[in-house]
Amino acid sequence: MDDDERLRLITQWSRWRASNAATLAPFTRLTPREASVLAMLMEGKQVRAIAAESYVTEATVRSQVHGILVKLDVNSQIEAVALASRVGWRPGAC
């Protein structure tokens, strides 16, 4: 591989990495618990099941869901799950 090709590939990779970081930036603001709740929502679990599995009240989980919605700037759990799926987010990926 010549120098021009190497430089082109490095530039392309750098642009992709910057774009990917910007896309995932909102997810870095999630607390570990919010990230865990979002992951469970992505698995199709409902608030009641998440609360029971986590040994907390439904109100606590709803508060965590609210934090997710605010930080991801979405209006519903479905939007949060769709956004996470669309950008390829996974817990611990940020």
Protein backbone atom coordinates (compact mmCIF):
# COMPACT_ATOMS: atom_id res chain seq x y z
CA MET A 1 0.00 0.00 0.00
CA ASP A 2 1.43 3.34 -0.97
CA ASP A 3 1.48 6.45 1.22
CA ASP A 4 -1.45 8.12 -0.57
CA GLU A 5 -3.68 5.08 -0.12
CA ARG A 6 -2.72 4.76 3.56
CA LEU A 7 -3.45 8.46 4.14
CA ARG A 8 -6.81 8.16 2.36
CA LEU A 9 -7.82 5.18 4.52
CA ILE A 10 -6.69 6.85 7.74
CA THR A 11 -8.64 9.99 6.84
CA GLN A 12 -11.74 7.97 6.00
CA TRP A 13 -11.48 6.02 9.28
CA SER A 14 -10.98 9.22 11.29
CA ARG A 15 -14.11 10.77 9.77
CA TRP A 16 -16.12 7.62 10.49
CA ARG A 17 -14.88 7.54 14.09
CA ALA A 18 -15.78 11.21 14.66
CA SER A 19 -19.21 10.69 13.15
CA ASN A 20 -19.80 7.57 15.23
CA ALA A 21 -18.70 9.36 18.42
CA ALA A 22 -21.13 12.21 17.72
CA THR A 23 -23.95 9.75 17.11
CA LEU A 24 -23.30 7.91 20.36
CA ALA A 25 -22.61 11.04 22.44
CA PRO A 26 -26.11 11.27 23.98
CA PHE A 27 -25.74 7.71 25.27
CA THR A 28 -22.57 8.62 27.20
CA ARG A 29 -24.72 10.83 29.44
CA LEU A 30 -26.75 7.85 30.67
CA THR A 31 -25.99 6.62 34.17
CA PRO A 32 -25.06 2.94 34.44
CA ARG A 33 -28.54 2.21 35.80
CA GLU A 34 -30.24 4.12 32.96
CA ALA A 35 -28.12 2.22 30.45
CA SER A 36 -29.19 -1.04 32.09
CA VAL A 37 -32.86 -0.02 31.97
CA LEU A 38 -32.54 0.97 28.31
CA ALA A 39 -30.95 -2.38 27.54
CA MET A 40 -33.88 -4.15 29.21
CA LEU A 41 -36.34 -2.01 27.27
CA MET A 42 -34.52 -3.03 24.09
CA GLU A 43 -35.09 -6.66 25.11
CA GLY A 44 -38.82 -5.92 25.19
CA LYS A 45 -39.21 -5.85 28.96
CA GLN A 46 -41.86 -3.62 30.45
CA VAL A 47 -41.43 -1.28 33.41
CA ARG A 48 -43.19 -3.68 35.79
CA ALA A 49 -40.86 -6.55 34.85
CA ILE A 50 -37.76 -4.35 35.06
CA ALA A 51 -38.82 -3.20 38.54
CA ALA A 52 -39.44 -6.75 39.74
CA GLU A 53 -36.17 -8.02 38.31
CA SER A 54 -34.24 -5.11 39.82
CA TYR A 55 -35.98 -5.19 43.22
CA VAL A 56 -37.06 -1.55 42.96
CA THR A 57 -40.44 0.11 42.62
CA GLU A 58 -42.08 0.85 39.31
CA ALA A 59 -41.83 4.54 40.23
CA THR A 60 -38.05 4.21 40.44
CA VAL A 61 -37.88 2.59 37.00
CA ARG A 62 -40.22 5.24 35.58
CA SER A 63 -37.88 7.91 36.97
CA GLN A 64 -34.95 6.19 35.28
CA VAL A 65 -36.91 5.96 32.02
CA HIS A 66 -37.66 9.68 32.28
CA GLY A 67 -33.91 10.34 32.63
CA ILE A 68 -33.28 8.27 29.50
CA LEU A 69 -35.90 10.18 27.51
CA VAL A 70 -34.50 13.56 28.57
CA LYS A 71 -30.88 12.66 27.88
CA LEU A 72 -31.65 11.13 24.48
CA ASP A 73 -34.07 13.95 23.62
CA VAL A 74 -36.91 11.60 22.69
CA ASN A 75 -40.55 11.52 23.74
CA SER A 76 -41.24 7.84 24.38
CA GLN A 77 -39.70 4.54 25.36
CA ILE A 78 -40.29 3.30 21.83
CA GLU A 79 -38.34 6.24 20.40
CA ALA A 80 -35.48 5.59 22.83
CA VAL A 81 -35.33 1.92 21.85
CA ALA A 82 -35.56 2.77 18.14
CA LEU A 83 -32.76 5.35 18.43
CA ALA A 84 -30.52 2.96 20.33
CA SER A 85 -31.15 0.21 17.78
CA ARG A 86 -30.65 2.51 14.80
CA VAL A 87 -27.24 3.73 15.98
CA GLY A 88 -26.12 0.32 17.17
CA TRP A 89 -25.86 1.27 20.85
CA ARG A 90 -25.19 -1.46 23.38
CA PRO A 91 -24.54 -1.13 27.12
CA GLY A 92 -20.88 -0.47 27.75
CA ALA A 93 -20.31 0.58 24.14
CA CYS A 94 -19.72 4.24 25.05
